[in-house]
Amino acid sequence: MAFEATLETIDNIAKITLSGELDGSTAPVFKEKVEEAAKQEPKRLVLMMQELEYMASAGLRVLIFAKQKMGKEVDIYMVGTQELVLDTIKKTGFDHSVFLLDEYDAVEIEKV
């Protein structure tokens, strides 16, 4: 499945929807969306991961970049992360730097 990343920002929440396989060849697309989102200075970054089937180390590097680029005042949420991708995130300990959610609820995210 081809990789795709789309960005939308509503009420200071930047939401990037990821689908397909995130690897070395597609990571620059994701990084570009993170940079675009950071320019909007959101309060929250929500990564919709339900359709992301695979993530290589290059994808993880972009996640780390996102955390650094957004700054510590911006919370990052990962929604609906598939088991294979979640396993990679947990093995690296990155799960301690983000909020993992099963479903997206903008009202709940805004309360946090």
C-alpha atoms as a PDB file:
ATOM      1  CA  MET A   1       0.000   0.000   0.000  1.00  0.00           C
ATOM      2  CA  ALA A   2       1.363   3.429  -0.931  1.00  0.00           C
ATOM      3  CA  PHE A   3       2.163   5.827   1.894  1.00  0.00           C
ATOM      4  CA  GLU A   4       0.015   8.900   2.369  1.00  0.00           C
ATOM      5  CA  ALA A   5       0.050  11.720   4.944  1.00  0.00           C
ATOM      6  CA  THR A   6      -2.589  14.425   5.139  1.00  0.00           C
ATOM      7  CA  LEU A   7      -2.722  17.398   7.488  1.00  0.00           C
ATOM      8  CA  GLU A   8      -5.680  19.358   8.787  1.00  0.00           C
ATOM      9  CA  THR A   9      -5.729  21.905  11.598  1.00  0.00           C
ATOM     10  CA  ILE A  10      -8.867  22.747  13.545  1.00  0.00           C
ATOM     11  CA  ASP A  11      -9.003  24.775  16.778  1.00  0.00           C
ATOM     12  CA  ASN A  12      -5.242  24.636  17.451  1.00  0.00           C
ATOM     13  CA  ILE A  13      -5.157  20.864  16.951  1.00  0.00           C
ATOM     14  CA  ALA A  14      -3.001  19.679  14.050  1.00  0.00           C
ATOM     15  CA  LYS A  15      -4.118  16.261  12.845  1.00  0.00           C
ATOM     16  CA  ILE A  16      -1.929  14.199  10.520  1.00  0.00           C
ATOM     17  CA  THR A  17      -3.521  11.077   9.086  1.00  0.00           C
ATOM     18  CA  LEU A  18      -1.005   8.419   8.065  1.00  0.00           C
ATOM     19  CA  SER A  19      -1.672   5.393   5.877  1.00  0.00           C
ATOM     20  CA  GLY A  20       0.381   2.722   4.171  1.00  0.00           C
ATOM     21  CA  GLU A  21       4.016   1.938   4.922  1.00  0.00           C
ATOM     22  CA  LEU A  22       6.311   4.499   6.532  1.00  0.00           C
ATOM     23  CA  ASP A  23       9.930   3.731   5.641  1.00  0.00           C
ATOM     24  CA  GLY A  24      13.085   5.485   4.491  1.00  0.00           C
ATOM     25  CA  SER A  25      11.640   6.414   1.132  1.00  0.00           C
ATOM     26  CA  THR A  26       8.384   7.845   2.541  1.00  0.00           C
ATOM     27  CA  ALA A  27       9.616   9.406   5.803  1.00  0.00           C
ATOM     28  CA  PRO A  28      10.408  12.767   4.102  1.00  0.00           C
ATOM     29  CA  VAL A  29       6.708  13.128   3.236  1.00  0.00           C
ATOM     30  CA  PHE A  30       5.769  12.652   6.903  1.00  0.00           C
ATOM     31  CA  LYS A  31       8.526  15.045   8.017  1.00  0.00           C
ATOM     32  CA  GLU A  32       7.224  17.687   5.613  1.00  0.00           C
ATOM     33  CA  LYS A  33       3.742  17.420   7.167  1.00  0.00           C
ATOM     34  CA  VAL A  34       5.229  17.728  10.678  1.00  0.00           C
ATOM     35  CA  GLU A  35       7.109  20.881   9.637  1.00  0.00           C
ATOM     36  CA  GLU A  36       3.956  22.292   8.039  1.00  0.00           C
ATOM     37  CA  ALA A  37       1.989  21.554  11.228  1.00  0.00           C
ATOM     38  CA  ALA A  38       4.669  23.119  13.455  1.00  0.00           C
ATOM     39  CA  LYS A  39       4.455  26.393  11.500  1.00  0.00           C
ATOM     40  CA  GLN A  40       0.808  26.639  12.580  1.00  0.00           C
ATOM     41  CA  GLU A  41       1.894  26.495  16.253  1.00  0.00           C
ATOM     42  CA  PRO A  42      -0.760  24.015  17.414  1.00  0.00           C
ATOM     43  CA  LYS A  43      -1.460  23.166  21.051  1.00  0.00           C
ATOM     44  CA  ARG A  44      -1.780  19.468  20.201  1.00  0.00           C
ATOM     45  CA  LEU A  45      -0.488  17.166  17.456  1.00  0.00           C
ATOM     46  CA  VAL A  46      -2.731  14.197  16.722  1.00  0.00           C
ATOM     47  CA  LEU A  47      -1.388  11.370  14.579  1.00  0.00           C
ATOM     48  CA  MET A  48      -4.133   9.202  13.140  1.00  0.00           C
ATOM     49  CA  MET A  49      -2.409   5.817  12.838  1.00  0.00           C
ATOM     50  CA  GLN A  50      -5.292   3.422  12.089  1.00  0.00           C
ATOM     51  CA  GLU A  51      -4.258   2.931   8.458  1.00  0.00           C
ATOM     52  CA  LEU A  52      -0.483   2.883   9.034  1.00  0.00           C
ATOM     53  CA  GLU A  53       0.512  -0.730   8.405  1.00  0.00           C
ATOM     54  CA  TYR A  54       4.278  -0.535   8.915  1.00  0.00           C
ATOM     55  CA  MET A  55       6.836   1.854  10.343  1.00  0.00           C
ATOM     56  CA  ALA A  56      10.598   1.497   9.875  1.00  0.00           C
ATOM     57  CA  SER A  57      13.238   3.250  11.957  1.00  0.00           C
ATOM     58  CA  ALA A  58      13.072   6.218   9.561  1.00  0.00           C
ATOM     59  CA  GLY A  59       9.470   6.769  10.662  1.00  0.00           C
ATOM     60  CA  LEU A  60      10.504   6.616  14.285  1.00  0.00           C
ATOM     61  CA  ARG A  61      13.153   9.262  13.618  1.00  0.00           C
ATOM     62  CA  VAL A  62      10.437  11.546  12.235  1.00  0.00           C
ATOM     63  CA  LEU A  63       8.353  10.951  15.379  1.00  0.00           C
ATOM     64  CA  ILE A  64      11.332  11.993  17.506  1.00  0.00           C
ATOM     65  CA  PHE A  65      11.830  14.987  15.211  1.00  0.00           C
ATOM     66  CA  ALA A  66       8.137  15.880  15.683  1.00  0.00           C
ATOM     67  CA  LYS A  67       8.512  15.798  19.459  1.00  0.00           C
ATOM     68  CA  GLN A  68      11.556  18.074  19.272  1.00  0.00           C
ATOM     69  CA  LYS A  69      10.093  20.391  16.609  1.00  0.00           C
ATOM     70  CA  MET A  70       6.803  20.888  18.423  1.00  0.00           C
ATOM     71  CA  GLY A  71       8.474  21.473  21.785  1.00  0.00           C
ATOM     72  CA  LYS A  72       7.620  20.124  25.188  1.00  0.00           C
ATOM     73  CA  GLU A  73       4.512  22.309  25.537  1.00  0.00           C
ATOM     74  CA  VAL A  74       2.783  20.493  22.634  1.00  0.00           C
ATOM     75  CA  ASP A  75       1.307  17.093  23.476  1.00  0.00           C
ATOM     76  CA  ILE A  76       1.433  14.403  20.801  1.00  0.00           C
ATOM     77  CA  TYR A  77      -1.353  11.843  20.535  1.00  0.00           C
ATOM     78  CA  MET A  78      -1.169   8.635  18.531  1.00  0.00           C
ATOM     79  CA  VAL A  79      -4.617   7.274  17.723  1.00  0.00           C
ATOM     80  CA  GLY A  80      -5.485   3.718  16.700  1.00  0.00           C
ATOM     81  CA  THR A  81      -1.909   2.528  16.345  1.00  0.00           C
ATOM     82  CA  GLN A  82      -1.769  -0.979  14.862  1.00  0.00           C
ATOM     83  CA  GLU A  83       0.015  -3.679  16.855  1.00  0.00           C
ATOM     84  CA  LEU A  84       3.062  -3.981  14.581  1.00  0.00           C
ATOM     85  CA  VAL A  85       3.701  -0.232  14.696  1.00  0.00           C
ATOM     86  CA  LEU A  86       2.882  -0.006  18.403  1.00  0.00           C
ATOM     87  CA  ASP A  87       5.395  -2.766  19.145  1.00  0.00           C
ATOM     88  CA  THR A  88       8.151  -0.705  17.497  1.00  0.00           C
ATOM     89  CA  ILE A  89       7.158   2.380  19.473  1.00  0.00           C
ATOM     90  CA  LYS A  90       7.109   0.491  22.771  1.00  0.00           C
ATOM     91  CA  LYS A  91      10.438  -1.265  22.174  1.00  0.00           C
ATOM     92  CA  THR A  92      12.126   2.112  21.825  1.00  0.00           C
ATOM     93  CA  GLY A  93      10.368   3.648  24.835  1.00  0.00           C
ATOM     94  CA  PHE A  94       8.825   6.390  22.712  1.00  0.00           C
ATOM     95  CA  ASP A  95       5.415   5.418  24.114  1.00  0.00           C
ATOM     96  CA  HIS A  96       6.432   7.312  27.278  1.00  0.00           C
ATOM     97  CA  SER A  97       6.724  10.546  25.277  1.00  0.00           C
ATOM     98  CA  VAL A  98       3.272  10.484  23.674  1.00  0.00           C
ATOM     99  CA  PHE A  99      -0.335   9.731  24.540  1.00  0.00           C
ATOM    100  CA  LEU A 100      -1.673   6.501  23.011  1.00  0.00           C
ATOM    101  CA  LEU A 101      -5.413   6.463  22.320  1.00  0.00           C
ATOM    102  CA  ASP A 102      -7.675   3.842  20.791  1.00  0.00           C
ATOM    103  CA  GLU A 103     -10.075   6.411  19.328  1.00  0.00           C
ATOM    104  CA  TYR A 104      -9.985  10.088  18.425  1.00  0.00           C
ATOM    105  CA  ASP A 105     -12.145  12.410  20.504  1.00  0.00           C
ATOM    106  CA  ALA A 106     -11.297  16.087  19.953  1.00  0.00           C
ATOM    107  CA  VAL A 107     -13.266  17.106  23.053  1.00  0.00           C
ATOM    108  CA  GLU A 108     -11.294  14.739  25.289  1.00  0.00           C
ATOM    109  CA  ILE A 109      -7.963  15.735  23.758  1.00  0.00           C
ATOM    110  CA  GLU A 110      -8.719  19.415  24.337  1.00  0.00           C
ATOM    111  CA  LYS A 111      -9.402  18.707  28.051  1.00  0.00           C
ATOM    112  CA  VAL A 112      -5.998  17.113  28.632  1.00  0.00           C
END
